[in-house]
Amino acid sequence: MTDQNVPIIKEESSAKLNAIIGSANIQSKFISIGRAIIAVAQLSFILFTSQEARFAEVGPQPFGPRCQSWSQAGLYCVVGKEHLTLADVVIAFGLILVIIGFYPRWTGILHLYITYTISTAVTLPDGGESVALIFIGLLAVVSLSDNRRNCYLTNLDVDRIPEPLQGVSQAAIIFGRVQLCYLYADAAIAKLGVAGWTNGTALYYIEKNALFGDWFQVLERSEIFEHGWLLAAATWMPIALVLLIAINVIGTANMRRFAFTLVVILHGGIIFNMGLVSFALIMIGCCLSIITPPNRYTYISVLSTSTDSADVDDFVAVKADIRPHRFVSLFRFHQAFTRPVVCCGGVSTQGRWGGDLALVKIGEPVAVRMRYKLTNKLLSHSPEVVVHDRRDMISARLGLLNGSPFKVEVIPGGSSDPG
């Protein structure tokens, strides 16, 4: 008997607080990639921005690094302005170590010191240094849980990390999301208080600014802002994107992915409009490092049970690689609006498209279905298959239409890739 007519009875798989903490996935490779992107931005700043520009004379500040108060421990201040090139070489070498992922627990601390050195010593910052200092500090806390030799070559084994250290790392990631939400929300509110942004003319004045004017001339497209409606749309668009980022960056895994997409769009536009490449890369890296989507095959969400179902302890968790049709998958429709459901013996478990765990009973018929996120109705259907071993993997592919049946097979030992 299949579970096609079993009513959906929503069950909380965990408390909300536990769900929030669990969303901070310290195993995510996005943490390492985001940190590397920030390091690349900083390396480009060191290599392609002259010392005259970085340590320019500003007011009473003579040429050289700022070395007042707490900034005196930075490398530039330690070596003095006579040896700035030596400091650049050391910093560049350290950033290369961060980029290649060498011993992340220790290079995370090194990266924090390098970021502190840059952010406190530069006299003409582009806005990304202070943000980088905050997030590299948080990532340094996260890296304390990472005892790998290289963060790209092996997966992080959380079972070998003490729980208190895991908790501190997860808290740092969650705080990073809140901080990023605040930064973007504050940026949007600040713009709404400026007449040039509210009346849709701000980008016109940015174009005429001597700091960015050369960039517009190089692109040979500054005349497009002579059209009032196009200028207004281009001015208001960043405000809308910033607000959407602030809302989504503290949301669900899909919302955080959406926020990252918007961050790339927003800061890609900043690169195109103003040429602030290092600033844009730093913001992209910061966002990528804290969205931490869950790993595949790690989560079980019990969607429903029937009143006469057997004890769930009799069930085992198996891998379920369930995918939409290849063509439909290109548009990400199902990933945004639906979820696959595995039904077996009166228990239905909801997963994610592409890979998750499902509860099944060995030797019992298993069916695969789907549902829209906002409804309880199960859609589509599949032939019944039987799992014979907990190492087996359920592989299912949906047809072209939403109502199409799933093609399902059980792969012994989960050794094959369903593609």
Protein backbone atom coordinates (compact mmCIF):
# COMPACT_ATOMS: atom_id res chain seq x y z
CA MET A 1 0.00 0.00 0.00
CA THR A 2 1.33 3.43 -0.95
CA ASP A 3 0.88 6.65 0.97
CA GLN A 4 -0.87 8.61 -1.77
CA ASN A 5 -3.96 9.24 0.37
CA VAL A 6 -2.24 9.80 3.70
CA PRO A 7 -3.22 13.23 5.04
CA ILE A 8 -0.45 15.70 5.74
CA ILE A 9 0.03 16.28 9.46
CA LYS A 10 2.77 18.83 9.91
CA GLU A 11 5.26 17.93 12.61
CA GLU A 12 8.00 20.21 13.95
CA SER A 13 11.31 18.44 13.32
CA SER A 14 13.12 20.72 15.74
CA ALA A 15 12.64 23.86 17.76
CA LYS A 16 13.01 27.14 15.90
CA LEU A 17 16.13 28.05 17.80
CA ASN A 18 17.76 24.73 16.95
CA ALA A 19 16.76 25.22 13.32
CA ILE A 20 18.43 28.64 13.24
CA ILE A 21 21.59 27.30 14.84
CA GLY A 22 21.60 24.27 12.55
CA SER A 23 21.38 26.54 9.50
CA ALA A 24 24.88 27.80 10.32
CA ASN A 25 26.60 24.95 8.53
CA ILE A 26 30.29 25.14 9.42
CA GLN A 27 31.00 22.33 6.91
CA SER A 28 29.97 24.55 4.00
CA LYS A 29 32.69 25.11 1.43
CA PHE A 30 31.18 28.55 0.82
CA ILE A 31 32.98 29.70 3.97
CA SER A 32 36.39 28.94 2.49
CA ILE A 33 35.46 30.26 -0.96
CA GLY A 34 34.06 33.49 0.48
CA ARG A 35 37.19 34.03 2.56
CA ALA A 36 39.34 33.39 -0.52
CA ILE A 37 37.36 35.97 -2.53
CA ILE A 38 37.96 38.56 0.18
CA ALA A 39 41.67 37.69 0.15
CA VAL A 40 41.77 38.04 -3.66
CA ALA A 41 40.20 41.49 -3.36
CA GLN A 42 42.76 42.51 -0.76
CA LEU A 43 45.60 41.09 -2.83
CA SER A 44 44.45 43.06 -5.87
CA PHE A 45 44.32 46.17 -3.69
CA ILE A 46 47.91 45.64 -2.57
CA LEU A 47 49.24 44.80 -6.04
CA PHE A 48 47.38 47.29 -8.21
CA THR A 49 46.94 50.32 -5.96
CA SER A 50 50.06 52.41 -5.58
CA GLN A 51 51.48 53.24 -2.19
CA GLU A 52 51.00 56.92 -3.03
CA ALA A 53 47.25 56.30 -3.30
CA ARG A 54 46.98 54.00 -0.31
CA PHE A 55 48.99 56.17 2.05
CA ALA A 56 48.25 59.58 0.57
CA GLU A 57 48.65 62.73 2.57
CA VAL A 58 45.26 63.71 4.03
CA GLY A 59 44.97 66.94 6.02
CA PRO A 60 47.44 66.86 8.90
CA GLN A 61 48.21 63.19 8.13
CA PRO A 62 51.55 63.08 6.22
CA PHE A 63 52.36 60.44 3.61
CA GLY A 64 52.52 57.03 5.21
CA PRO A 65 50.33 54.63 7.17
CA ARG A 66 48.04 55.86 9.91
CA CYS A 67 49.64 54.79 13.16
CA GLN A 68 47.53 56.27 15.92
CA SER A 69 46.06 54.50 18.92
CA TRP A 70 45.17 50.84 18.32
CA SER A 71 46.42 50.78 14.72
CA GLN A 72 50.08 50.86 15.80
CA ALA A 73 50.30 47.05 15.97
CA GLY A 74 49.70 46.74 12.22
CA LEU A 75 52.57 45.54 10.06
CA TYR A 76 52.84 48.82 8.16
CA CYS A 77 53.29 50.69 11.42
CA VAL A 78 55.74 48.12 12.79
CA VAL A 79 58.10 48.34 9.79
CA GLY A 80 57.61 52.08 9.24
CA LYS A 81 57.02 53.99 6.03
CA GLU A 82 60.60 53.39 4.94
CA HIS A 83 59.86 49.67 4.45
CA LEU A 84 56.34 49.70 3.01
CA THR A 85 57.39 47.53 0.06
CA LEU A 86 58.66 44.83 2.42
CA ALA A 87 55.34 44.91 4.27
CA ASP A 88 53.49 44.61 0.93
CA VAL A 89 55.49 41.48 0.04
CA VAL A 90 54.81 39.84 3.41
CA ILE A 91 51.10 40.69 3.23
CA ALA A 92 50.82 39.41 -0.35
CA PHE A 93 52.48 36.12 0.64
CA GLY A 94 50.10 35.75 3.60
CA LEU A 95 47.06 36.40 1.39
CA ILE A 96 48.25 33.76 -1.06
CA LEU A 97 48.37 31.25 1.80
CA VAL A 98 44.79 32.17 2.67
CA ILE A 99 43.64 31.82 -0.93
CA ILE A 100 45.12 28.34 -1.39
CA GLY A 101 43.43 27.18 1.83
CA PHE A 102 46.58 26.15 3.67
CA TYR A 103 45.91 25.24 7.34
CA PRO A 104 42.75 27.39 7.66
CA ARG A 105 42.81 27.37 11.49
CA TRP A 106 46.09 29.31 11.50
CA THR A 107 45.79 31.24 8.25
CA GLY A 108 42.41 32.46 9.52
CA ILE A 109 44.23 34.23 12.35
CA LEU A 110 46.91 35.43 9.92
CA HIS A 111 44.18 36.77 7.62
CA LEU A 112 42.66 38.68 10.53
CA TYR A 113 45.99 40.36 11.30
CA ILE A 114 46.51 41.23 7.62
CA THR A 115 43.01 42.70 7.39
CA TYR A 116 43.58 44.67 10.58
CA THR A 117 46.84 45.99 9.13
CA ILE A 118 45.22 47.11 5.87
CA SER A 119 42.01 48.54 7.32
CA THR A 120 43.71 50.62 10.00
CA ALA A 121 46.71 51.89 8.01
CA VAL A 122 45.20 52.96 4.68
CA THR A 123 44.46 56.69 4.60
CA LEU A 124 42.00 56.61 1.67
CA PRO A 125 39.79 53.52 2.15
CA ASP A 126 37.15 52.57 -0.42
CA GLY A 127 34.62 51.40 2.17
CA GLY A 128 35.36 47.69 2.11
CA GLU A 129 38.17 47.59 4.65
CA SER A 130 36.05 48.11 7.76
CA VAL A 131 33.49 45.55 6.56
CA ALA A 132 36.27 43.08 5.79
CA LEU A 133 37.72 43.52 9.28
CA ILE A 134 34.39 42.61 10.89
CA PHE A 135 33.76 39.55 8.74
CA ILE A 136 37.33 38.27 8.70
CA GLY A 137 37.20 38.50 12.49
CA LEU A 138 34.06 36.33 12.48
CA LEU A 139 35.60 33.91 9.99
CA ALA A 140 38.70 33.66 12.16
CA VAL A 141 36.41 32.44 14.95
CA VAL A 142 34.83 29.93 12.55
CA SER A 143 38.27 28.75 11.40
CA LEU A 144 39.12 27.70 14.95
CA SER A 145 36.92 24.66 14.28
CA ASP A 146 38.79 23.83 11.08
CA ASN A 147 41.79 21.58 11.73
CA ARG A 148 42.28 20.47 8.12
CA ARG A 149 45.54 20.87 6.25
CA ASN A 150 43.72 22.31 3.27
CA CYS A 151 40.12 23.48 3.32
CA TYR A 152 39.51 22.53 -0.35
CA LEU A 153 40.90 19.00 -0.44
CA THR A 154 39.00 17.32 2.41
CA ASN A 155 35.61 17.68 4.05
CA LEU A 156 35.39 19.02 7.58
CA ASP A 157 34.58 16.26 10.09
CA VAL A 158 32.31 17.89 12.67
CA ASP A 159 32.34 14.77 14.85
CA ARG A 160 35.92 15.59 15.82
CA ILE A 161 35.12 19.17 16.82
CA PRO A 162 34.15 19.84 20.47
CA GLU A 163 30.52 20.94 20.73
CA PRO A 164 31.35 24.25 22.50
CA LEU A 165 33.68 25.15 19.64
CA GLN A 166 31.02 24.21 17.09
CA GLY A 167 28.52 26.41 18.91
CA VAL A 168 30.88 29.40 18.92
CA SER A 169 31.53 28.96 15.19
CA GLN A 170 27.82 28.71 14.41
CA ALA A 171 27.10 31.79 16.51
CA ALA A 172 29.74 33.71 14.54
CA ILE A 173 28.05 32.79 11.24
CA ILE A 174 24.61 33.81 12.52
CA PHE A 175 26.00 37.08 13.85
CA GLY A 176 27.53 37.67 10.41
CA ARG A 177 24.09 37.33 8.80
CA VAL A 178 22.60 39.81 11.27
CA GLN A 179 25.51 42.19 10.68
CA LEU A 180 25.12 41.97 6.91
CA CYS A 181 21.36 42.56 7.27
CA TYR A 182 22.09 45.67 9.34
CA LEU A 183 24.70 46.99 6.87
CA TYR A 184 22.40 46.72 3.87
CA ALA A 185 19.30 47.95 5.71
CA ASP A 186 21.26 50.92 7.04
CA ALA A 187 22.55 51.68 3.54
CA ALA A 188 19.01 51.67 2.15
CA ILE A 189 17.63 53.88 4.92
CA ALA A 190 20.52 56.31 4.52
CA LYS A 191 19.87 56.63 0.80
CA LEU A 192 16.16 57.26 1.37
CA GLY A 193 17.13 60.28 3.44
CA VAL A 194 19.06 61.89 0.57
CA ALA A 195 17.13 63.93 -1.98
CA GLY A 196 19.29 62.77 -4.89
CA TRP A 197 18.31 59.14 -4.31
CA THR A 198 14.63 59.75 -3.63
CA ASN A 199 14.16 61.93 -6.72
CA GLY A 200 16.12 59.50 -8.90
CA THR A 201 19.06 61.71 -9.89
CA ALA A 202 21.88 60.42 -7.65
CA LEU A 203 23.67 58.46 -10.37
CA TYR A 204 23.80 61.57 -12.57
CA TYR A 205 25.90 63.35 -9.95
CA ILE A 206 28.01 60.25 -9.39
CA GLU A 207 28.74 60.26 -13.11
CA LYS A 208 29.84 63.90 -12.94
CA ASN A 209 32.00 63.26 -9.89
CA ALA A 210 35.67 63.53 -10.78
CA LEU A 211 36.39 60.38 -8.77
CA PHE A 212 34.21 58.21 -11.03
CA GLY A 213 33.91 60.32 -14.17
CA ASP A 214 36.92 58.80 -15.90
CA TRP A 215 35.38 55.35 -15.47
CA PHE A 216 32.17 56.44 -17.17
CA GLN A 217 34.14 57.94 -20.04
CA VAL A 218 36.13 54.75 -20.51
CA LEU A 219 32.86 52.82 -20.78
CA GLU A 220 31.55 55.40 -23.27
CA ARG A 221 28.02 55.10 -21.98
CA SER A 222 27.51 58.12 -19.71
CA GLU A 223 25.03 59.60 -22.22
CA ILE A 224 22.44 56.96 -21.32
CA PHE A 225 21.69 58.88 -18.13
CA GLU A 226 20.46 61.83 -20.20
CA HIS A 227 17.12 59.98 -20.34
CA GLY A 228 15.21 60.86 -17.15
CA TRP A 229 13.24 57.62 -16.79
CA LEU A 230 16.34 55.49 -17.30
CA LEU A 231 18.28 57.57 -14.79
CA ALA A 232 15.49 57.22 -12.20
CA ALA A 233 15.23 53.46 -12.70
CA ALA A 234 19.00 53.03 -12.43
CA THR A 235 19.03 55.14 -9.25
CA TRP A 236 16.15 53.38 -7.49
CA MET A 237 17.24 49.87 -8.46
CA PRO A 238 20.16 49.74 -5.96
CA ILE A 239 17.83 50.76 -3.12
CA ALA A 240 15.40 47.97 -4.00
CA LEU A 241 18.23 45.44 -4.25
CA VAL A 242 19.74 46.52 -0.93
CA LEU A 243 16.39 46.15 0.87
CA LEU A 244 15.83 42.70 -0.64
CA ILE A 245 19.31 41.62 0.40
CA ALA A 246 18.73 42.79 3.98
CA ILE A 247 15.47 40.82 4.19
CA ASN A 248 16.66 37.61 2.57
CA VAL A 249 20.12 37.26 4.10
CA ILE A 250 18.61 36.26 7.46
CA GLY A 251 16.00 33.94 5.96
CA THR A 252 15.85 30.32 4.88
CA ALA A 253 18.54 28.59 2.83
CA ASN A 254 16.81 29.47 -0.44
CA MET A 255 16.33 33.07 0.70
CA ARG A 256 20.02 33.30 1.56
CA ARG A 257 20.95 31.94 -1.86
CA PHE A 258 18.67 34.55 -3.39
CA ALA A 259 20.33 37.25 -1.28
CA PHE A 260 23.74 36.18 -2.58
CA THR A 261 22.48 36.38 -6.17
CA LEU A 262 21.27 39.92 -5.51
CA VAL A 263 24.62 40.82 -3.91
CA VAL A 264 26.42 39.69 -7.06
CA ILE A 265 24.01 41.73 -9.22
CA LEU A 266 24.29 44.82 -7.02
CA HIS A 267 28.05 44.84 -6.68
CA GLY A 268 28.58 43.76 -10.25
CA GLY A 269 26.68 46.93 -11.13
CA ILE A 270 28.92 48.92 -8.79
CA ILE A 271 31.97 47.56 -10.61
CA PHE A 272 30.38 48.50 -13.93
CA ASN A 273 29.35 51.98 -12.75
CA MET A 274 32.18 53.05 -10.46
CA GLY A 275 35.04 50.62 -10.80
CA LEU A 276 35.24 49.78 -7.08
CA VAL A 277 36.39 46.24 -7.79
CA SER A 278 37.98 45.37 -4.45
CA PHE A 279 35.03 46.77 -2.48
CA ALA A 280 32.55 44.77 -4.56
CA LEU A 281 34.55 41.54 -4.23
CA ILE A 282 34.81 42.00 -0.47
CA MET A 283 31.04 42.36 -0.11
CA ILE A 284 30.43 39.34 -2.38
CA GLY A 285 32.90 37.28 -0.35
CA CYS A 286 31.36 38.35 2.96
CA CYS A 287 27.89 37.33 1.82
CA LEU A 288 29.03 34.01 0.36
CA SER A 289 30.85 33.06 3.54
CA ILE A 290 27.77 33.35 5.78
CA ILE A 291 24.90 31.96 3.69
CA THR A 292 26.09 28.36 4.43
CA PRO A 293 23.38 26.26 2.74
CA PRO A 294 22.96 22.77 4.23
CA ASN A 295 25.00 19.89 2.87
CA ARG A 296 23.35 17.21 0.80
CA TYR A 297 22.25 14.05 2.60
CA THR A 298 22.35 15.52 6.10
CA TYR A 299 18.80 16.53 7.00
CA ILE A 300 15.56 14.66 7.73
CA SER A 301 12.23 16.48 7.90
CA VAL A 302 9.29 14.28 8.93
CA LEU A 303 6.35 15.75 7.05
CA SER A 304 3.54 13.45 8.09
CA THR A 305 2.65 10.17 9.77
CA SER A 306 -0.57 8.21 9.68
CA THR A 307 -2.31 7.33 12.93
CA ASP A 308 -1.66 3.62 12.50
CA SER A 309 1.94 3.83 11.28
CA ALA A 310 4.65 1.77 12.87
CA ASP A 311 7.17 3.26 15.26
CA VAL A 312 9.59 5.53 13.40
CA ASP A 313 12.43 3.76 15.20
CA ASP A 314 11.85 0.85 12.82
CA PHE A 315 12.77 3.09 9.88
CA VAL A 316 16.23 3.87 8.54
CA ALA A 317 17.56 7.00 6.83
CA VAL A 318 18.70 6.45 3.26
CA LYS A 319 19.98 8.81 0.61
CA ALA A 320 17.33 10.09 -1.78
CA ASP A 321 18.60 11.84 -4.90
CA ILE A 322 15.44 13.36 -6.39
CA ARG A 323 15.63 15.82 -9.27
CA PRO A 324 13.25 17.73 -11.57
CA HIS A 325 13.35 17.24 -15.32
CA ARG A 326 16.65 18.48 -16.74
CA PHE A 327 14.98 21.16 -18.85
CA VAL A 328 12.73 22.48 -16.07
CA SER A 329 15.66 22.43 -13.65
CA LEU A 330 17.36 25.17 -15.68
CA PHE A 331 14.65 27.63 -14.58
CA ARG A 332 14.89 26.64 -10.87
CA PHE A 333 11.07 26.48 -10.65
CA HIS A 334 10.85 23.40 -8.45
CA GLN A 335 13.71 24.49 -6.24
CA ALA A 336 11.80 27.70 -5.50
CA PHE A 337 8.21 26.46 -5.14
CA THR A 338 8.07 22.71 -4.51
CA ARG A 339 9.61 19.97 -2.40
CA PRO A 340 9.98 16.23 -3.09
CA VAL A 341 8.32 13.82 -0.65
CA VAL A 342 9.23 10.17 -0.01
CA CYS A 343 6.39 8.01 1.33
CA CYS A 344 6.87 4.65 3.00
CA GLY A 345 4.83 2.69 5.55
CA GLY A 346 2.69 5.65 6.64
CA VAL A 347 5.65 8.01 7.09
CA SER A 348 6.35 10.86 4.67
CA THR A 349 9.66 12.72 4.70
CA GLN A 350 10.22 15.96 2.83
CA GLY A 351 13.59 16.67 1.28
CA ARG A 352 15.32 19.04 -1.09
CA TRP A 353 15.72 18.68 -4.81
CA GLY A 354 19.07 17.19 -5.63
CA GLY A 355 19.77 15.22 -2.49
CA ASP A 356 18.64 14.60 1.05
CA LEU A 357 17.81 11.82 3.49
CA ALA A 358 14.47 9.98 3.67
CA LEU A 359 13.00 7.61 6.24
CA VAL A 360 12.09 4.22 4.80
CA LYS A 361 11.42 0.76 6.16
CA ILE A 362 13.53 -2.06 4.78
CA GLY A 363 11.40 -4.30 2.55
CA GLU A 364 8.40 -1.91 2.48
CA PRO A 365 7.14 -0.25 -0.74
CA VAL A 366 8.44 3.27 -1.29
CA ALA A 367 6.79 5.95 -3.46
CA VAL A 368 8.08 9.40 -4.46
CA ARG A 369 5.79 12.42 -4.78
CA MET A 370 6.01 16.23 -4.53
CA ARG A 371 4.14 19.15 -3.00
CA TYR A 372 4.00 22.91 -3.31
CA LYS A 373 5.43 24.71 -0.29
CA LEU A 374 2.18 26.51 0.54
CA THR A 375 -0.16 23.52 0.24
CA ASN A 376 -0.51 20.13 1.91
CA LYS A 377 -1.65 18.28 -1.20
CA LEU A 378 0.67 15.61 -2.58
CA LEU A 379 1.10 15.73 -6.35
CA SER A 380 2.40 13.36 -9.00
CA HIS A 381 3.15 9.71 -8.28
CA SER A 382 5.71 7.02 -8.95
CA PRO A 383 6.05 3.26 -9.26
CA GLU A 384 6.73 1.53 -5.98
CA VAL A 385 10.27 0.40 -5.27
CA VAL A 386 11.77 -1.47 -2.33
CA VAL A 387 14.90 -0.61 -0.37
CA HIS A 388 16.79 -3.73 0.74
CA ASP A 389 19.74 -2.15 2.57
CA ARG A 390 20.31 1.10 4.42
CA ARG A 391 23.25 1.80 2.11
CA ASP A 392 20.95 1.83 -0.93
CA MET A 393 20.06 5.13 -2.55
CA ILE A 394 16.71 6.13 -4.03
CA SER A 395 17.17 7.86 -7.37
CA ALA A 396 14.15 9.63 -8.86
CA ARG A 397 13.60 11.96 -11.80
CA LEU A 398 10.39 13.96 -12.39
CA GLY A 399 8.90 14.21 -15.87
CA LEU A 400 8.61 17.41 -17.89
CA LEU A 401 5.20 18.42 -16.49
CA ASN A 402 4.37 18.90 -12.82
CA GLY A 403 1.84 16.08 -12.94
CA SER A 404 4.20 13.69 -14.69
CA PRO A 405 5.13 10.50 -12.84
CA PHE A 406 8.56 10.07 -11.29
CA LYS A 407 10.96 7.55 -12.72
CA VAL A 408 12.35 5.79 -9.66
CA GLU A 409 15.05 3.21 -9.08
CA VAL A 410 17.00 1.93 -6.10
CA ILE A 411 20.76 2.01 -6.55
CA PRO A 412 22.43 -0.67 -4.41
CA GLY A 413 24.99 0.78 -2.07
CA GLY A 414 24.43 4.31 -3.41
CA SER A 415 27.54 3.90 -5.55
CA SER A 416 26.20 5.33 -8.79
CA ASP A 417 25.63 8.96 -9.65
CA PRO A 418 22.15 9.49 -11.07
CA GLY A 419 23.23 12.74 -12.75
